[in-house]
Amino acid sequence: MYRQLITILALLTSLTTTSPTNPSLLFARAACSTPYGAGTCAPTSSCTTGGFNVAGYCDGAADIQCCVSKTCTTSSGSGMCMNTEDDCSGEFVGGACPGPDSIKCCVGGGGDPPPPPPPPPPPPPSGGEVLAVDLSAAQSSSFWTCAKEKGFTKAVPRGYSQACGSGGQVDPNMAAAYKAASAMGIRNFDAYLYPCTGTSNGVACKPIQAQIDAFVAAVDEAGIKPTHLWLDIEPSSTADGAPCNSWQLGAAGNEELAKQWVAAIKATGRPWGIYANA
């Protein structure tokens, strides 16, 4: 079974290498340096109010760029350097920011700069990885104190569980886990989907699209702004004491099912990746 899973993951990786939403297969947010200033590698969609994007200085997908946060001062007041294609609460004033003409100073109505974005996480361990916590339940404050002391800077709550007795369901612990992590200062989040792909007591899994739609809606409703959505692929068998028979279709059947799940999560238009054991 594990050899089958590894073969499937290798195939899925090859299928996504030319995709504009090709995921980074590490939970990572690295520091970056550009001619216009230092910043943090992040999705372009998360750098629209307190900084500007600079392409070509980050590894990964095309939408992962260096988000540079820089204040500016003009005769009209102070503000933040931003891409002119993003929304400015006041007005754009040229000549006060580095870079091309598309980067200008956004000066607010009161002359005060908008609040800066959250600070980047601490430098990652050697190798570029970020230490992340898989959350299937809310944790105590003492847990987060310990996790932060150990260098964990990212939380990845489970947003959907296989719940094969009912065909799959939104994880009831996701919102609470997210709030607990946020309360302890965690600002870097992803979310993962552990889908129903098997049966229990004859209950069929809900359609793939229905599970994906419920997962994405629940993540948005909880207020989570994930850098990636992750598809959790883990085989299990009731013969081994697990509650569900997941990914038990044989090599060809598992491969076909994996392709359908990949197509569905890719169609969300959001950065995504594969999360699996091996």
Protein backbone atom coordinates (compact mmCIF):
# COMPACT_ATOMS: atom_id res chain seq x y z
CA MET A 1 0.00 0.00 0.00
CA TYR A 2 2.75 2.48 0.89
CA ARG A 3 4.61 1.73 -2.35
CA GLN A 4 1.37 2.44 -4.21
CA LEU A 5 0.99 5.73 -2.33
CA ILE A 6 4.55 6.83 -3.11
CA THR A 7 3.99 6.02 -6.81
CA ILE A 8 0.79 8.10 -6.82
CA LEU A 9 2.52 11.08 -5.15
CA ALA A 10 5.35 10.96 -7.67
CA LEU A 11 2.81 11.02 -10.50
CA LEU A 12 0.88 13.92 -8.98
CA THR A 13 4.05 15.95 -8.53
CA SER A 14 4.91 15.45 -12.21
CA LEU A 15 1.39 16.49 -13.22
CA THR A 16 1.71 19.85 -11.46
CA THR A 17 5.19 20.97 -12.48
CA THR A 18 3.90 23.17 -15.32
CA SER A 19 0.88 24.55 -13.45
CA PRO A 20 0.77 28.22 -12.43
CA THR A 21 -0.60 27.04 -9.08
CA ASN A 22 2.12 24.44 -8.60
CA PRO A 23 2.47 24.20 -4.80
CA SER A 24 5.54 24.38 -2.68
CA LEU A 25 5.72 21.06 -0.88
CA LEU A 26 7.18 22.61 2.28
CA PHE A 27 5.47 24.77 4.86
CA ALA A 28 7.86 27.68 4.25
CA ARG A 29 7.94 31.45 4.42
CA ALA A 30 11.47 32.69 3.93
CA ALA A 31 13.11 36.09 4.17
CA CYS A 32 14.06 37.74 0.87
CA SER A 33 16.14 40.69 -0.30
CA THR A 34 15.49 42.93 -3.33
CA PRO A 35 17.10 46.10 -4.69
CA TYR A 36 14.15 47.97 -3.16
CA GLY A 37 14.45 46.53 0.35
CA ALA A 38 14.16 43.34 2.38
CA GLY A 39 10.91 41.46 2.80
CA THR A 40 9.22 38.10 3.25
CA CYS A 41 8.26 35.53 0.61
CA ALA A 42 4.47 35.31 0.57
CA PRO A 43 1.51 34.90 -1.81
CA THR A 44 0.90 38.10 -3.78
CA SER A 45 -2.69 38.15 -2.52
CA SER A 46 -1.47 38.68 1.06
CA CYS A 47 0.67 41.75 0.21
CA THR A 48 -1.91 44.32 -0.90
CA THR A 49 -2.33 46.81 1.97
CA GLY A 50 0.99 47.16 3.76
CA GLY A 51 3.65 46.61 1.13
CA PHE A 52 4.45 45.83 -2.50
CA ASN A 53 5.37 42.65 -4.38
CA VAL A 54 8.69 42.15 -6.17
CA ALA A 55 8.96 39.12 -8.44
CA GLY A 56 12.06 37.00 -8.95
CA TYR A 57 13.43 36.80 -5.41
CA CYS A 58 11.52 33.81 -3.98
CA ASP A 59 11.43 30.11 -4.74
CA GLY A 60 8.18 28.31 -5.53
CA ALA A 61 5.11 29.18 -7.55
CA ALA A 62 4.79 32.37 -9.63
CA ASP A 63 2.44 33.93 -7.07
CA ILE A 64 5.06 33.60 -4.30
CA GLN A 65 6.94 36.91 -4.39
CA CYS A 66 8.94 39.13 -2.04
CA CYS A 67 6.56 41.34 -0.02
CA VAL A 68 8.50 44.51 0.90
CA SER A 69 7.09 46.79 3.61
CA LYS A 70 8.44 50.36 3.38
CA THR A 71 7.15 53.68 4.71
CA CYS A 72 7.34 56.87 2.64
CA THR A 73 7.05 60.62 3.16
CA THR A 74 5.63 63.17 0.70
CA SER A 75 4.49 66.79 0.80
CA SER A 76 0.96 65.41 1.20
CA GLY A 77 1.82 63.32 4.23
CA SER A 78 3.29 59.98 5.16
CA GLY A 79 2.20 56.58 3.97
CA MET A 80 3.25 53.16 2.73
CA CYS A 81 4.83 52.18 -0.59
CA MET A 82 2.32 50.03 -2.49
CA ASN A 83 1.57 48.64 -5.93
CA THR A 84 -0.72 51.11 -7.70
CA GLU A 85 -2.95 48.23 -8.81
CA ASP A 86 -3.89 47.62 -5.16
CA ASP A 87 -6.48 49.63 -3.20
CA CYS A 88 -5.24 52.79 -1.47
CA SER A 89 -7.42 54.32 1.27
CA GLY A 90 -6.21 57.79 0.30
CA GLU A 91 -4.23 58.75 -2.79
CA PHE A 92 -1.09 57.59 -4.58
CA VAL A 93 1.79 60.09 -4.70
CA GLY A 94 4.79 59.44 -6.94
CA GLY A 95 8.46 60.08 -6.39
CA ALA A 96 8.73 58.82 -2.81
CA CYS A 97 9.25 55.07 -3.29
CA PRO A 98 11.97 52.94 -4.85
CA GLY A 99 11.33 50.78 -7.88
CA PRO A 100 9.25 51.19 -11.04
CA ASP A 101 6.47 53.76 -11.57
CA SER A 102 3.91 51.14 -10.50
CA ILE A 103 5.14 51.52 -6.90
CA LYS A 104 3.97 54.76 -5.27
CA CYS A 105 3.31 56.19 -1.83
CA CYS A 106 -0.23 55.56 -0.57
CA VAL A 107 -1.04 58.56 1.61
CA GLY A 108 -4.12 58.20 3.84
CA GLY A 109 -6.73 60.90 4.40
CA GLY A 110 -5.32 61.86 7.83
CA GLY A 111 -1.73 61.90 6.68
CA ASP A 112 -0.86 58.85 8.81
CA PRO A 113 0.44 55.68 7.17
CA PRO A 114 -1.80 52.63 7.25
CA PRO A 115 -0.85 50.03 9.85
CA PRO A 116 2.10 47.90 8.78
CA PRO A 117 1.55 44.22 8.04
CA PRO A 118 2.23 41.64 10.78
CA PRO A 119 5.95 41.08 11.29
CA PRO A 120 7.43 38.10 9.47
CA PRO A 121 7.96 34.94 11.48
CA PRO A 122 11.35 34.33 13.08
CA PRO A 123 14.11 33.04 10.80
CA PRO A 124 13.44 29.40 9.86
CA PRO A 125 15.71 26.53 10.86
CA SER A 126 18.62 25.68 8.60
CA GLY A 127 17.42 24.32 5.27
CA GLY A 128 14.60 26.87 4.84
CA GLU A 129 11.81 24.85 6.45
CA VAL A 130 9.26 26.37 8.84
CA LEU A 131 8.21 24.29 11.84
CA ALA A 132 4.45 23.73 11.61
CA VAL A 133 1.86 22.13 13.89
CA ASP A 134 -0.87 19.84 12.52
CA LEU A 135 -4.03 20.75 14.45
CA SER A 136 -7.00 18.40 14.69
CA ALA A 137 -8.14 19.92 18.02
CA ALA A 138 -7.71 23.16 19.99
CA GLN A 139 -4.65 23.15 22.26
CA SER A 140 -4.00 24.73 25.65
CA SER A 141 -2.02 27.92 26.16
CA SER A 142 0.79 25.88 27.76
CA PHE A 143 1.06 23.83 24.55
CA TRP A 144 1.52 26.99 22.47
CA THR A 145 4.01 28.43 24.92
CA CYS A 146 6.07 25.26 24.56
CA ALA A 147 5.64 25.18 20.76
CA LYS A 148 6.83 28.78 20.36
CA GLU A 149 9.83 28.10 22.60
CA LYS A 150 10.71 25.20 20.30
CA GLY A 151 10.53 27.43 17.22
CA PHE A 152 7.14 26.50 15.78
CA THR A 153 5.75 29.47 13.85
CA LYS A 154 3.01 27.97 11.69
CA ALA A 155 -0.29 26.24 12.43
CA VAL A 156 -2.16 23.97 10.01
CA PRO A 157 -5.66 23.16 11.30
CA ARG A 158 -7.61 20.27 9.81
CA GLY A 159 -10.60 21.80 8.03
CA TYR A 160 -12.33 18.63 6.88
CA SER A 161 -12.29 15.06 8.24
CA GLN A 162 -13.12 11.80 6.53
CA ALA A 163 -15.93 10.94 9.01
CA CYS A 164 -16.73 7.95 6.83
CA GLY A 165 -19.76 7.06 8.93
CA SER A 166 -21.47 10.14 7.50
CA GLY A 167 -19.57 10.47 4.20
CA GLY A 168 -17.23 13.27 5.34
CA GLN A 169 -17.74 16.49 7.31
CA VAL A 170 -16.25 19.89 8.16
CA ASP A 171 -13.98 19.42 11.16
CA PRO A 172 -15.83 20.87 14.18
CA ASN A 173 -12.53 21.71 15.90
CA MET A 174 -11.06 23.85 13.12
CA ALA A 175 -12.37 27.28 14.17
CA ALA A 176 -11.47 26.74 17.84
CA ALA A 177 -7.98 25.51 16.94
CA TYR A 178 -7.43 28.56 14.72
CA LYS A 179 -8.60 30.98 17.43
CA ALA A 180 -6.40 29.35 20.07
CA ALA A 181 -3.34 29.56 17.84
CA SER A 182 -4.10 33.18 16.91
CA ALA A 183 -4.52 34.12 20.58
CA MET A 184 -0.98 32.88 21.23
CA GLY A 185 0.50 35.05 18.47
CA ILE A 186 0.63 32.58 15.57
CA ARG A 187 0.06 34.50 12.30
CA ASN A 188 1.17 31.97 9.69
CA PHE A 189 -1.58 29.49 8.73
CA ASP A 190 -2.46 26.81 6.23
CA ALA A 191 -5.40 24.37 6.32
CA TYR A 192 -5.75 20.75 5.27
CA LEU A 193 -8.45 18.44 3.99
CA TYR A 194 -8.54 14.80 5.16
CA PRO A 195 -11.25 13.61 2.77
CA CYS A 196 -13.61 10.68 2.87
CA THR A 197 -12.40 8.19 0.25
CA GLY A 198 -13.72 4.93 1.70
CA THR A 199 -16.76 3.44 3.40
CA SER A 200 -17.91 2.46 6.87
CA ASN A 201 -21.01 0.39 7.52
CA GLY A 202 -21.96 0.83 3.89
CA VAL A 203 -22.14 4.66 4.01
CA ALA A 204 -20.87 6.15 0.74
CA CYS A 205 -18.56 9.18 0.74
CA LYS A 206 -20.01 12.50 -0.35
CA PRO A 207 -19.07 13.63 -3.88
CA ILE A 208 -15.55 15.03 -4.21
CA GLN A 209 -16.76 18.50 -5.25
CA ALA A 210 -19.18 18.64 -2.31
CA GLN A 211 -16.35 17.88 0.13
CA ILE A 212 -14.02 20.44 -1.47
CA ASP A 213 -16.73 23.14 -1.47
CA ALA A 214 -17.58 22.53 2.19
CA PHE A 215 -13.90 22.62 3.17
CA VAL A 216 -13.14 25.90 1.38
CA ALA A 217 -16.33 27.55 2.67
CA ALA A 218 -15.52 26.54 6.26
CA VAL A 219 -11.95 27.87 6.01
CA ASP A 220 -13.23 31.21 4.71
CA GLU A 221 -16.00 31.41 7.32
CA ALA A 222 -13.48 30.82 10.12
CA GLY A 223 -11.45 33.79 8.86
CA ILE A 224 -8.35 31.73 8.09
CA LYS A 225 -6.07 33.17 5.40
CA PRO A 226 -4.03 30.10 4.43
CA THR A 227 -0.96 30.36 2.24
CA HIS A 228 -1.76 26.85 0.99
CA LEU A 229 -4.58 24.32 1.08
CA TRP A 230 -3.31 20.77 1.60
CA LEU A 231 -4.84 17.49 0.42
CA ASP A 232 -4.09 14.83 3.05
CA ILE A 233 -3.60 11.41 1.44
CA GLU A 234 -3.39 8.62 4.03
CA PRO A 235 -4.44 5.00 3.53
CA SER A 236 -6.30 3.25 6.36
CA SER A 237 -8.09 -0.05 6.79
CA THR A 238 -10.75 -1.31 9.17
CA ALA A 239 -8.82 -4.61 9.18
CA ASP A 240 -6.07 -2.73 11.05
CA GLY A 241 -8.51 -1.18 13.51
CA ALA A 242 -9.06 2.12 11.65
CA PRO A 243 -12.64 3.43 11.45
CA CYS A 244 -12.52 3.84 7.66
CA ASN A 245 -11.30 2.01 4.57
CA SER A 246 -9.53 4.81 2.71
CA TRP A 247 -7.41 4.46 -0.43
CA GLN A 248 -8.12 0.74 -0.65
CA LEU A 249 -8.87 0.58 -4.39
CA GLY A 250 -5.64 -0.98 -5.61
CA ALA A 251 -2.87 0.86 -7.47
CA ALA A 252 -4.89 1.78 -10.57
CA GLY A 253 -8.02 2.71 -8.61
CA ASN A 254 -6.09 4.82 -6.10
CA GLU A 255 -4.27 6.62 -8.91
CA GLU A 256 -7.53 7.49 -10.69
CA LEU A 257 -9.15 8.70 -7.46
CA ALA A 258 -6.08 10.82 -6.61
CA LYS A 259 -6.24 12.48 -10.03
CA GLN A 260 -9.89 13.43 -9.40
CA TRP A 261 -9.06 14.96 -6.01
CA VAL A 262 -6.09 16.86 -7.45
CA ALA A 263 -8.26 18.27 -10.24
CA ALA A 264 -10.88 19.42 -7.72
CA ILE A 265 -8.52 21.17 -5.31
CA LYS A 266 -6.57 22.69 -8.21
CA ALA A 267 -9.84 24.13 -9.58
CA THR A 268 -10.24 26.25 -6.41
CA GLY A 269 -7.56 28.54 -7.87
CA ARG A 270 -5.72 28.63 -4.54
CA PRO A 271 -2.16 27.49 -3.82
CA TRP A 272 -2.25 23.85 -2.77
CA GLY A 273 -0.12 20.83 -2.04
CA ILE A 274 -0.09 17.14 -1.11
CA TYR A 275 0.24 16.20 2.56
CA ALA A 276 0.94 12.49 3.12
CA ASN A 277 2.73 9.86 5.13
CA ALA A 278 5.16 7.47 3.50
